[in-house]
Amino acid sequence: MASLSGDLLTGALVNAMDAPPPNLSEQRFAADWSPYTHQVTAWRRLRETPPRSIIVSSGTGSGKTECFLVPVLDDLVRQLV
């Protein structure tokens, strides 16, 4: 995730996901975590101007939720900064 900081994702989001509040520590996305290729592809498509619609088809537990959730969180962080 750290390698995507500044390029695709805001550094503030990567840091926040790496060090969540204690009550959410089991939801941690470590800065040294490597996302799946389909996740990075989805994030790049959703950051295009205008954003492109995507369909992600993958097995259970493969990170489909993060395909849409991380860009939403990144957009919120960008609005706060």
C-alpha atoms as a PDB file:
ATOM      1  CA  MET A   1       0.000   0.000   0.000  1.00  0.00           C
ATOM      2  CA  ALA A   2       2.852   2.383   0.781  1.00  0.00           C
ATOM      3  CA  SER A   3       4.037   2.227  -2.826  1.00  0.00           C
ATOM      4  CA  LEU A   4       0.613   3.516  -3.943  1.00  0.00           C
ATOM      5  CA  SER A   5       0.778   6.466  -1.549  1.00  0.00           C
ATOM      6  CA  GLY A   6       0.929   9.782  -3.347  1.00  0.00           C
ATOM      7  CA  ASP A   7       0.419   8.220  -6.768  1.00  0.00           C
ATOM      8  CA  LEU A   8      -2.910   6.455  -6.574  1.00  0.00           C
ATOM      9  CA  LEU A   9      -3.929   6.894  -2.945  1.00  0.00           C
ATOM     10  CA  THR A  10      -3.405   9.722  -0.502  1.00  0.00           C
ATOM     11  CA  GLY A  11      -0.678   9.195   2.061  1.00  0.00           C
ATOM     12  CA  ALA A  12      -3.158  10.116   4.786  1.00  0.00           C
ATOM     13  CA  LEU A  13      -5.428   7.215   3.807  1.00  0.00           C
ATOM     14  CA  VAL A  14      -2.582   4.707   3.630  1.00  0.00           C
ATOM     15  CA  ASN A  15      -1.393   5.845   7.085  1.00  0.00           C
ATOM     16  CA  ALA A  16      -4.907   5.719   8.561  1.00  0.00           C
ATOM     17  CA  MET A  17      -5.509   2.193   7.248  1.00  0.00           C
ATOM     18  CA  ASP A  18      -2.108   1.115   8.595  1.00  0.00           C
ATOM     19  CA  ALA A  19      -2.818   2.448  12.103  1.00  0.00           C
ATOM     20  CA  PRO A  20      -6.574   2.298  12.805  1.00  0.00           C
ATOM     21  CA  PRO A  21      -8.012   3.091  16.256  1.00  0.00           C
ATOM     22  CA  PRO A  22      -7.549   0.249  18.789  1.00  0.00           C
ATOM     23  CA  ASN A  23     -11.190  -0.834  18.545  1.00  0.00           C
ATOM     24  CA  LEU A  24     -10.740  -1.399  14.782  1.00  0.00           C
ATOM     25  CA  SER A  25      -7.245  -2.912  14.838  1.00  0.00           C
ATOM     26  CA  GLU A  26      -8.393  -6.197  13.297  1.00  0.00           C
ATOM     27  CA  GLN A  27      -9.431  -4.199  10.199  1.00  0.00           C
ATOM     28  CA  ARG A  28      -5.849  -2.995   9.608  1.00  0.00           C
ATOM     29  CA  PHE A  29      -4.455  -2.697   6.081  1.00  0.00           C
ATOM     30  CA  ALA A  30      -0.726  -2.691   6.697  1.00  0.00           C
ATOM     31  CA  ALA A  31       1.408  -0.294   4.674  1.00  0.00           C
ATOM     32  CA  ASP A  32       3.480  -3.286   3.563  1.00  0.00           C
ATOM     33  CA  TRP A  33       0.363  -5.156   2.325  1.00  0.00           C
ATOM     34  CA  SER A  34       0.302  -5.846  -1.415  1.00  0.00           C
ATOM     35  CA  PRO A  35      -3.154  -5.487  -2.949  1.00  0.00           C
ATOM     36  CA  TYR A  36      -4.335  -7.873  -5.629  1.00  0.00           C
ATOM     37  CA  THR A  37      -3.953  -6.846  -9.263  1.00  0.00           C
ATOM     38  CA  HIS A  38      -7.725  -6.617  -9.750  1.00  0.00           C
ATOM     39  CA  GLN A  39      -7.928  -4.178  -6.826  1.00  0.00           C
ATOM     40  CA  VAL A  40      -5.248  -1.832  -8.177  1.00  0.00           C
ATOM     41  CA  THR A  41      -6.812  -2.008 -11.646  1.00  0.00           C
ATOM     42  CA  ALA A  42     -10.211  -1.080 -10.202  1.00  0.00           C
ATOM     43  CA  TRP A  43      -8.719   1.798  -8.190  1.00  0.00           C
ATOM     44  CA  ARG A  44      -6.988   3.187 -11.273  1.00  0.00           C
ATOM     45  CA  ARG A  45     -10.161   3.005 -13.384  1.00  0.00           C
ATOM     46  CA  LEU A  46     -12.206   4.717 -10.696  1.00  0.00           C
ATOM     47  CA  ARG A  47      -9.653   7.559 -10.435  1.00  0.00           C
ATOM     48  CA  GLU A  48      -9.885   8.354 -14.157  1.00  0.00           C
ATOM     49  CA  THR A  49     -11.614  11.533 -15.230  1.00  0.00           C
ATOM     50  CA  PRO A  50     -14.425  10.887 -15.714  1.00  0.00           C
ATOM     51  CA  PRO A  51     -14.505   7.728 -13.604  1.00  0.00           C
ATOM     52  CA  ARG A  52     -15.248   4.564 -15.539  1.00  0.00           C
ATOM     53  CA  SER A  53     -17.737   1.928 -14.485  1.00  0.00           C
ATOM     54  CA  ILE A  54     -16.206  -1.422 -13.665  1.00  0.00           C
ATOM     55  CA  ILE A  55     -17.313  -4.977 -12.984  1.00  0.00           C
ATOM     56  CA  VAL A  56     -15.154  -7.099 -10.716  1.00  0.00           C
ATOM     57  CA  SER A  57     -15.762 -10.829 -10.779  1.00  0.00           C
ATOM     58  CA  SER A  58     -13.615 -12.847  -8.442  1.00  0.00           C
ATOM     59  CA  GLY A  59     -13.854 -15.583  -5.842  1.00  0.00           C
ATOM     60  CA  THR A  60     -15.056 -15.286  -2.284  1.00  0.00           C
ATOM     61  CA  GLY A  61     -12.523 -13.565  -0.039  1.00  0.00           C
ATOM     62  CA  SER A  62     -10.537 -12.084  -2.919  1.00  0.00           C
ATOM     63  CA  GLY A  63     -11.047  -8.428  -1.972  1.00  0.00           C
ATOM     64  CA  LYS A  64     -13.927  -7.301  -4.167  1.00  0.00           C
ATOM     65  CA  THR A  65     -15.280  -5.038  -1.405  1.00  0.00           C
ATOM     66  CA  GLU A  66     -11.978  -3.159  -1.264  1.00  0.00           C
ATOM     67  CA  CYS A  67     -12.276  -2.517  -5.015  1.00  0.00           C
ATOM     68  CA  PHE A  68     -14.992   0.048  -4.339  1.00  0.00           C
ATOM     69  CA  LEU A  69     -14.414   0.885  -0.674  1.00  0.00           C
ATOM     70  CA  VAL A  70     -10.801   2.096  -0.874  1.00  0.00           C
ATOM     71  CA  PRO A  71     -11.562   4.664  -3.633  1.00  0.00           C
ATOM     72  CA  VAL A  72     -14.556   5.940  -1.624  1.00  0.00           C
ATOM     73  CA  LEU A  73     -12.368   6.373   1.466  1.00  0.00           C
ATOM     74  CA  ASP A  74      -9.616   7.989  -0.611  1.00  0.00           C
ATOM     75  CA  ASP A  75     -12.095  10.483  -2.072  1.00  0.00           C
ATOM     76  CA  LEU A  76     -13.340  11.389   1.406  1.00  0.00           C
ATOM     77  CA  VAL A  77      -9.800  11.941   2.656  1.00  0.00           C
ATOM     78  CA  ARG A  78      -9.025  14.161  -0.358  1.00  0.00           C
ATOM     79  CA  GLN A  79     -12.065  16.286   0.479  1.00  0.00           C
ATOM     80  CA  LEU A  80     -10.841  16.764   4.060  1.00  0.00           C
ATOM     81  CA  VAL A  81      -7.270  17.707   3.163  1.00  0.00           C
END
